[in-house]
Amino acid sequence: MPAKVARRHTTYGTYRGLTVYRFWDLPPGLLTPRQLKREGLAVAPRQRPRAYAYWRYYGQTGYAPLYRKRGARPKRVASAAQLAALARARFVLHAWRCFDCGELVNDGGRPDRGETGTCAPCRAFRAEARAAVDLPALAPVLRETLPGVLPATPLGPQEWAAALLDSGPVVVLDTESTDLHRWVLELGVCDSAGAPVFSSLVNPRAPLAPGAVKVHGITADTLAEAEAPVFSDVMDTLGRAIQGRTVVVYNLGYDLHSIAREVHRHARTVVGLVGAEAVEYTRTWLGRARWADLMHPYAEWYGQWHPYWQSYTWQTLPYGDHRAPSDAAGAARLLRELADGTAPRLPEAERGRWEDDDGYDDYDRYGY
């Protein structure tokens, strides 16, 4: 029987002083790093290439180093900590930040542009909010002018606050919410002297946004431990606290919107009203009190003028700890200090100028 003749592999020149073979005609025992990896091997620290493989792909060409298989070492297996770090890096690499809750999300790709970059839980929350409250029907209630407090005459912030305190019984209200969608999470009402009138945690029947929890510190465990009632259970108590009074709120548009949504949800899910009847129920409930916004007069008193917007910059409430009872008491303190002329403000040289003949009356500036 004749001896077996070894097959000769055609060379393709030289590269860096080593023989070059075509990629589909490699000698046995010589593998590229990727081929070594497939067999559970890796290039040894001091192992040097023995030849090169010429490759061509869609017009691209190159040379891959070839190593002896018997000189390679076993491929190291990543530890659990390394795998966890790699998973975190891959998550961050492909993650995006939710527009609503601010959390990093990696669910296979960004949502459609119409969803404004919201994660799946926040999209479900938006759908639940739209189903519970008919916002297009409720919008006129939130936009309409509620009963005013002061006559339409030019008054400065200090005179406005003093006249407000002299106009009748005054209570100060504040709410904490689940997030910017404004389901009520906590209510706080106090009188003009800061004495508590009513306060309660509220079960929002909705998820809590992590960003909001970082601000007020109210978690689902907090609600469970306190056995917080739903808004429908505290509506009567809240209604008696504000009945026939002037309700002062710091940033009235936000808190009034929160309460209006809850009242409208109560009208639809508990009372069983729909359409215009639910809207009228909400309007009637809100109309039992007169509403006033403290944020705009204080912004004018503080005096930080914005040259671009040509208006006074809104300021954060200087007192309170982002809980409804303490914020309500802080707003009551600010109202009294504003009436006395002792509320915090910028130095005289830094304040913007207030003019009596600016074309706006007090009702336009401070009325809702």
Protein backbone atom coordinates (compact mmCIF):
# COMPACT_ATOMS: atom_id res chain seq x y z
CA MET A 1 0.00 0.00 0.00
CA PRO A 2 1.56 3.29 -1.01
CA ALA A 3 2.40 5.83 1.72
CA LYS A 4 -0.13 8.61 2.29
CA VAL A 5 1.06 11.88 0.79
CA ALA A 6 0.56 14.98 2.98
CA ARG A 7 -1.66 17.59 1.39
CA ARG A 8 0.12 20.81 0.61
CA HIS A 9 -1.62 24.04 1.51
CA THR A 10 -1.24 26.86 -0.96
CA THR A 11 0.42 29.95 0.45
CA TYR A 12 -0.67 33.48 -0.37
CA GLY A 13 2.55 35.36 0.14
CA THR A 14 3.99 36.73 3.34
CA TYR A 15 2.88 39.31 5.93
CA ARG A 16 5.11 40.69 8.66
CA GLY A 17 7.65 38.04 7.79
CA LEU A 18 5.23 35.11 8.23
CA THR A 19 3.48 32.86 5.73
CA VAL A 20 -0.04 33.84 4.67
CA TYR A 21 -2.69 31.21 3.91
CA ARG A 22 -6.11 31.64 2.47
CA PHE A 23 -8.82 31.50 5.08
CA TRP A 24 -10.48 28.41 3.59
CA ASP A 25 -7.19 26.52 3.21
CA LEU A 26 -5.50 26.59 6.63
CA PRO A 27 -3.04 23.94 7.82
CA PRO A 28 -4.24 21.72 10.69
CA GLY A 29 -3.30 22.88 14.14
CA LEU A 30 -3.32 26.59 13.26
CA LEU A 31 -6.37 28.53 14.47
CA THR A 32 -7.43 32.16 14.73
CA PRO A 33 -8.24 33.62 18.20
CA ARG A 34 -11.96 33.34 17.47
CA GLN A 35 -11.60 29.68 16.48
CA LEU A 36 -9.63 29.03 19.66
CA LYS A 37 -12.42 30.64 21.69
CA ARG A 38 -15.00 28.31 20.12
CA GLU A 39 -12.98 25.35 21.39
CA GLY A 40 -12.64 26.74 24.89
CA LEU A 41 -9.07 27.94 24.43
CA ALA A 42 -7.31 31.30 24.48
CA VAL A 43 -3.98 32.65 23.32
CA ALA A 44 -1.26 32.11 25.95
CA PRO A 45 0.43 35.26 27.34
CA ARG A 46 3.72 34.77 25.42
CA GLN A 47 2.37 32.80 22.49
CA ARG A 48 3.21 34.36 19.15
CA PRO A 49 1.46 33.92 15.79
CA ARG A 50 2.91 31.29 13.45
CA ALA A 51 1.24 32.50 10.28
CA TYR A 52 -1.61 34.70 9.02
CA ALA A 53 -4.92 33.98 7.31
CA TYR A 54 -5.99 36.24 4.48
CA TRP A 55 -9.72 37.07 4.46
CA ARG A 56 -11.95 39.07 2.19
CA TYR A 57 -15.54 40.06 2.95
CA TYR A 58 -17.73 42.44 0.93
CA GLY A 59 -14.71 44.29 -0.41
CA GLN A 60 -12.99 44.42 2.99
CA THR A 61 -9.67 42.57 3.34
CA GLY A 62 -7.37 41.78 6.22
CA TYR A 63 -5.01 39.33 7.92
CA ALA A 64 -5.95 37.27 10.99
CA PRO A 65 -3.11 35.85 13.13
CA LEU A 66 -2.85 32.06 13.39
CA TYR A 67 -1.70 30.32 16.59
CA ARG A 68 -0.78 26.73 17.33
CA LYS A 69 -3.59 24.93 19.10
CA ARG A 70 -1.24 22.92 21.30
CA GLY A 71 0.36 26.10 22.64
CA ALA A 72 -2.94 27.74 23.71
CA ARG A 73 -4.20 27.73 27.28
CA PRO A 74 -7.73 26.90 28.52
CA LYS A 75 -10.05 29.86 28.44
CA ARG A 76 -10.75 31.32 31.87
CA VAL A 77 -14.34 31.26 33.12
CA ALA A 78 -15.74 34.56 34.38
CA SER A 79 -16.69 34.69 38.05
CA ALA A 80 -20.18 35.53 39.25
CA ALA A 81 -19.07 39.05 40.20
CA GLN A 82 -17.55 39.60 36.75
CA LEU A 83 -20.70 38.35 35.04
CA ALA A 84 -22.82 40.64 37.21
CA ALA A 85 -20.60 43.63 36.39
CA LEU A 86 -20.80 42.77 32.69
CA ALA A 87 -24.60 42.55 32.90
CA ARG A 88 -24.76 45.95 34.61
CA ALA A 89 -22.51 47.48 31.96
CA ARG A 90 -24.64 46.05 29.16
CA PHE A 91 -27.79 47.30 30.89
CA VAL A 92 -26.43 50.85 31.19
CA LEU A 93 -25.10 50.75 27.64
CA HIS A 94 -28.53 50.02 26.18
CA ALA A 95 -30.69 51.65 28.86
CA TRP A 96 -32.66 54.87 28.60
CA ARG A 97 -34.24 57.08 31.25
CA CYS A 98 -38.01 57.18 31.65
CA PHE A 99 -39.47 60.64 31.13
CA ASP A 100 -42.02 60.21 33.96
CA CYS A 101 -40.36 58.30 36.80
CA GLY A 102 -36.72 59.08 35.95
CA GLU A 103 -35.61 55.46 36.33
CA LEU A 104 -33.23 53.68 33.95
CA VAL A 105 -35.10 51.20 31.79
CA ASN A 106 -33.86 48.48 29.45
CA ASP A 107 -36.86 46.70 27.95
CA GLY A 108 -35.57 45.95 24.48
CA GLY A 109 -35.74 49.41 22.98
CA ARG A 110 -37.12 52.86 23.40
CA PRO A 111 -40.90 53.36 23.17
CA ASP A 112 -42.45 55.14 20.26
CA ARG A 113 -42.02 58.87 20.10
CA GLY A 114 -45.70 59.32 20.86
CA GLU A 115 -45.11 57.83 24.32
CA THR A 116 -42.46 60.51 25.10
CA GLY A 117 -39.97 57.96 26.41
CA THR A 118 -42.03 56.41 29.22
CA CYS A 119 -41.50 52.92 30.61
CA ALA A 120 -44.18 50.22 30.62
CA PRO A 121 -45.39 50.85 34.23
CA CYS A 122 -45.69 54.58 33.58
CA ARG A 123 -47.55 53.96 30.31
CA ALA A 124 -49.96 51.72 32.21
CA PHE A 125 -50.34 54.42 34.87
CA ARG A 126 -51.14 57.01 32.21
CA ALA A 127 -53.77 54.74 30.72
CA GLU A 128 -55.33 54.21 34.16
CA ALA A 129 -55.33 57.96 34.78
CA ARG A 130 -57.02 58.66 31.45
CA ALA A 131 -59.64 56.00 32.17
CA ALA A 132 -60.40 57.30 35.67
CA VAL A 133 -60.65 61.00 34.80
CA ASP A 134 -62.16 62.52 31.70
CA LEU A 135 -59.57 65.27 31.38
CA PRO A 136 -61.03 66.92 28.25
CA ALA A 137 -64.36 67.31 30.04
CA LEU A 138 -62.70 68.40 33.29
CA ALA A 139 -60.41 70.97 31.66
CA PRO A 140 -63.03 73.79 31.65
CA VAL A 141 -63.46 73.39 35.40
CA LEU A 142 -59.73 73.82 35.93
CA ARG A 143 -59.49 76.78 33.54
CA GLU A 144 -62.54 78.70 34.67
CA THR A 145 -62.25 81.56 37.12
CA LEU A 146 -63.33 80.42 40.57
CA PRO A 147 -64.85 82.92 43.04
CA GLY A 148 -62.37 85.69 43.72
CA VAL A 149 -61.22 87.07 47.06
CA LEU A 150 -60.26 90.68 46.55
CA PRO A 151 -61.78 93.43 44.39
CA ALA A 152 -60.08 94.19 41.11
CA THR A 153 -57.98 97.08 42.39
CA PRO A 154 -54.19 97.46 42.20
CA LEU A 155 -52.64 96.19 45.42
CA GLY A 156 -49.11 95.20 46.33
CA PRO A 157 -48.29 91.76 47.74
CA GLN A 158 -48.29 92.95 51.36
CA GLU A 159 -51.64 94.72 51.01
CA TRP A 160 -53.05 91.67 49.21
CA ALA A 161 -52.08 89.33 52.05
CA ALA A 162 -53.41 91.71 54.73
CA ALA A 163 -56.71 92.11 52.91
CA LEU A 164 -56.95 88.35 52.45
CA LEU A 165 -56.57 87.72 56.19
CA ASP A 166 -59.20 90.36 56.94
CA SER A 167 -61.69 89.07 54.34
CA GLY A 168 -63.06 86.22 56.46
CA PRO A 169 -62.13 82.73 57.66
CA VAL A 170 -58.97 81.47 55.98
CA VAL A 171 -57.48 77.98 55.84
CA VAL A 172 -54.27 76.87 54.17
CA LEU A 173 -54.15 73.60 52.23
CA ASP A 174 -51.34 71.48 50.85
CA THR A 175 -51.17 68.09 49.15
CA GLU A 176 -48.51 65.52 48.36
CA SER A 177 -48.98 63.44 45.24
CA THR A 178 -47.84 60.23 43.62
CA ASP A 179 -46.06 62.07 40.83
CA LEU A 180 -46.70 64.79 38.29
CA HIS A 181 -49.94 63.04 37.34
CA ARG A 182 -51.15 64.30 40.73
CA TRP A 183 -53.07 61.56 42.49
CA VAL A 184 -53.39 62.77 46.08
CA LEU A 185 -51.15 60.95 48.55
CA GLU A 186 -51.47 63.18 51.63
CA LEU A 187 -53.68 66.10 52.67
CA GLY A 188 -52.92 68.85 55.17
CA VAL A 189 -55.18 71.75 56.22
CA CYS A 190 -54.45 74.35 58.89
CA ASP A 191 -55.86 77.73 59.86
CA SER A 192 -54.16 81.06 59.20
CA ALA A 193 -52.31 80.78 62.52
CA GLY A 194 -50.80 77.43 61.53
CA ALA A 195 -52.92 75.29 63.86
CA PRO A 196 -53.83 71.94 62.27
CA VAL A 197 -57.42 71.53 61.10
CA PHE A 198 -57.25 68.26 59.18
CA SER A 199 -54.54 65.96 57.89
CA SER A 200 -54.51 62.42 56.54
CA LEU A 201 -52.56 60.07 54.36
CA VAL A 202 -54.51 58.93 51.30
CA ASN A 203 -54.34 55.65 49.46
CA PRO A 204 -53.98 56.81 45.82
CA ARG A 205 -54.79 53.42 44.29
CA ALA A 206 -51.94 54.08 41.88
CA PRO A 207 -48.18 53.43 41.75
CA LEU A 208 -45.81 55.86 43.44
CA ALA A 209 -43.14 57.43 41.25
CA PRO A 210 -39.61 56.93 42.66
CA GLY A 211 -38.83 60.60 42.08
CA ALA A 212 -41.79 61.70 44.18
CA VAL A 213 -40.91 59.24 46.95
CA LYS A 214 -37.42 60.76 47.13
CA VAL A 215 -39.03 64.17 47.76
CA HIS A 216 -41.70 63.45 50.36
CA GLY A 217 -40.53 60.05 51.66
CA ILE A 218 -44.01 58.46 51.62
CA THR A 219 -43.76 54.85 50.46
CA ALA A 220 -46.25 52.06 49.93
CA ASP A 221 -45.15 50.61 53.28
CA THR A 222 -45.95 53.93 54.94
CA LEU A 223 -49.48 53.83 53.54
CA ALA A 224 -49.93 50.19 54.54
CA GLU A 225 -48.75 50.75 58.13
CA ALA A 226 -51.07 53.75 58.53
CA GLU A 227 -53.97 51.92 56.86
CA ALA A 228 -54.49 55.02 54.75
CA PRO A 229 -58.07 55.57 53.54
CA VAL A 230 -58.96 56.34 49.95
CA PHE A 231 -59.88 59.89 48.97
CA SER A 232 -63.61 59.08 48.91
CA ASP A 233 -63.45 58.27 52.63
CA VAL A 234 -61.99 61.68 53.58
CA MET A 235 -63.96 63.83 51.12
CA ASP A 236 -66.65 64.78 53.64
CA THR A 237 -64.10 65.76 56.30
CA LEU A 238 -62.11 67.79 53.80
CA GLY A 239 -65.29 69.43 52.50
CA ARG A 240 -66.30 70.54 56.01
CA ALA A 241 -62.79 71.93 56.60
CA ILE A 242 -62.97 74.22 53.55
CA GLN A 243 -66.73 74.92 53.44
CA GLY A 244 -67.40 78.67 53.13
CA ARG A 245 -63.75 79.59 53.70
CA THR A 246 -60.97 81.07 51.64
CA VAL A 247 -58.51 78.29 50.85
CA VAL A 248 -54.95 79.55 50.37
CA VAL A 249 -52.61 77.23 48.47
CA TYR A 250 -48.99 77.65 47.52
CA ASN A 251 -49.08 76.85 43.77
CA LEU A 252 -52.85 76.64 43.51
CA GLY A 253 -52.93 75.22 39.98
CA TYR A 254 -51.12 72.05 41.02
CA ASP A 255 -52.99 71.24 44.22
CA LEU A 256 -56.40 72.24 42.86
CA HIS A 257 -55.80 70.01 39.86
CA SER A 258 -54.95 67.12 42.18
CA ILE A 259 -58.12 67.55 44.22
CA ALA A 260 -60.26 68.04 41.11
CA ARG A 261 -59.01 64.78 39.65
CA GLU A 262 -59.81 62.91 42.86
CA VAL A 263 -63.29 64.44 43.13
CA HIS A 264 -63.97 63.63 39.50
CA ARG A 265 -62.81 60.04 39.98
CA HIS A 266 -65.11 59.78 43.02
CA ALA A 267 -68.02 61.11 40.97
CA ARG A 268 -67.46 58.52 38.26
CA THR A 269 -66.47 55.42 40.24
CA VAL A 270 -68.46 55.86 43.48
CA VAL A 271 -71.42 58.11 42.74
CA GLY A 272 -71.82 56.61 39.27
CA LEU A 273 -72.05 59.86 37.30
CA VAL A 274 -70.77 60.19 33.75
CA GLY A 275 -70.07 62.95 31.27
CA ALA A 276 -71.40 66.42 32.09
CA GLU A 277 -72.97 65.26 35.35
CA ALA A 278 -69.58 64.16 36.73
CA VAL A 279 -68.02 67.46 35.64
CA GLU A 280 -70.82 69.47 37.27
CA TYR A 281 -70.42 67.44 40.46
CA THR A 282 -66.72 68.35 40.51
CA ARG A 283 -67.43 72.01 39.80
CA THR A 284 -70.00 72.17 42.60
CA TRP A 285 -67.69 70.51 45.10
CA LEU A 286 -64.82 72.90 44.32
CA GLY A 287 -67.20 75.87 44.45
CA ARG A 288 -67.95 75.37 48.14
CA ALA A 289 -64.80 77.39 48.93
CA ARG A 290 -62.95 80.42 47.59
CA TRP A 291 -59.44 79.72 46.35
CA ALA A 292 -56.33 81.92 46.40
CA ASP A 293 -52.78 81.32 45.22
CA LEU A 294 -49.96 82.45 47.51
CA MET A 295 -47.12 81.64 45.13
CA HIS A 296 -47.61 84.55 42.73
CA PRO A 297 -47.86 87.33 45.36
CA TYR A 298 -44.80 85.94 47.13
CA ALA A 299 -42.86 85.82 43.85
CA GLU A 300 -43.62 89.52 43.39
CA TRP A 301 -42.68 90.25 47.00
CA TYR A 302 -39.42 88.30 46.69
CA GLY A 303 -38.59 90.42 43.68
CA GLN A 304 -36.50 88.16 41.43
CA TRP A 305 -37.32 89.59 38.03
CA HIS A 306 -36.80 87.41 34.95
CA PRO A 307 -35.76 89.64 32.03
CA TYR A 308 -36.59 87.06 29.37
CA TRP A 309 -40.08 86.10 30.56
CA GLN A 310 -40.77 89.62 31.83
CA SER A 311 -42.29 88.30 35.05
CA TYR A 312 -41.33 87.46 38.60
CA THR A 313 -39.64 84.09 39.11
CA TRP A 314 -41.61 81.59 41.18
CA GLN A 315 -39.88 80.65 44.43
CA THR A 316 -39.98 77.42 46.38
CA LEU A 317 -41.87 77.49 49.67
CA PRO A 318 -39.27 78.67 52.23
CA TYR A 319 -40.81 76.66 55.10
CA GLY A 320 -41.82 73.00 55.36
CA ASP A 321 -40.33 69.56 54.81
CA HIS A 322 -42.34 68.32 51.78
CA ARG A 323 -45.07 66.77 53.92
CA ALA A 324 -48.58 68.15 53.56
CA PRO A 325 -49.24 69.22 57.22
CA SER A 326 -45.85 70.93 57.64
CA ASP A 327 -46.02 72.58 54.19
CA ALA A 328 -49.51 73.89 54.97
CA ALA A 329 -48.23 75.33 58.26
CA GLY A 330 -45.24 76.80 56.40
CA ALA A 331 -47.52 78.45 53.84
CA ALA A 332 -49.64 79.89 56.68
CA ARG A 333 -46.50 81.31 58.26
CA LEU A 334 -45.44 82.81 54.94
CA LEU A 335 -48.90 84.38 54.52
CA ARG A 336 -48.69 86.05 57.94
CA GLU A 337 -45.14 87.26 57.29
CA LEU A 338 -46.19 88.60 53.90
CA ALA A 339 -49.01 90.56 55.54
CA ASP A 340 -46.57 91.91 58.17
CA GLY A 341 -43.91 92.74 55.58
CA THR A 342 -41.32 90.39 57.14
CA ALA A 343 -41.32 87.59 54.56
CA PRO A 344 -37.93 86.65 53.04
CA ARG A 345 -36.99 88.69 49.99
CA LEU A 346 -34.02 89.78 47.93
CA PRO A 347 -31.96 92.82 48.94
CA GLU A 348 -33.33 96.11 47.68
CA ALA A 349 -30.59 96.51 45.07
CA GLU A 350 -31.37 93.10 43.52
CA ARG A 351 -35.16 93.26 43.44
CA GLY A 352 -37.21 93.92 40.34
CA ARG A 353 -39.47 96.97 40.21
CA TRP A 354 -43.20 96.75 40.91
CA GLU A 355 -45.32 99.30 39.06
CA ASP A 356 -48.92 100.25 39.81
CA ASP A 357 -49.64 101.14 36.19
CA ASP A 358 -48.45 97.91 34.59
CA GLY A 359 -51.87 97.22 33.10
CA TYR A 360 -52.75 94.34 35.43
CA ASP A 361 -54.99 94.43 38.48
CA ASP A 362 -54.74 92.26 41.55
CA TYR A 363 -57.37 89.81 40.34
CA ASP A 364 -55.46 89.23 37.10
CA ARG A 365 -52.21 88.59 38.95
CA TYR A 366 -53.37 86.62 41.93
CA GLY A 367 -56.76 85.19 40.97
CA TYR A 368 -56.93 81.64 39.66
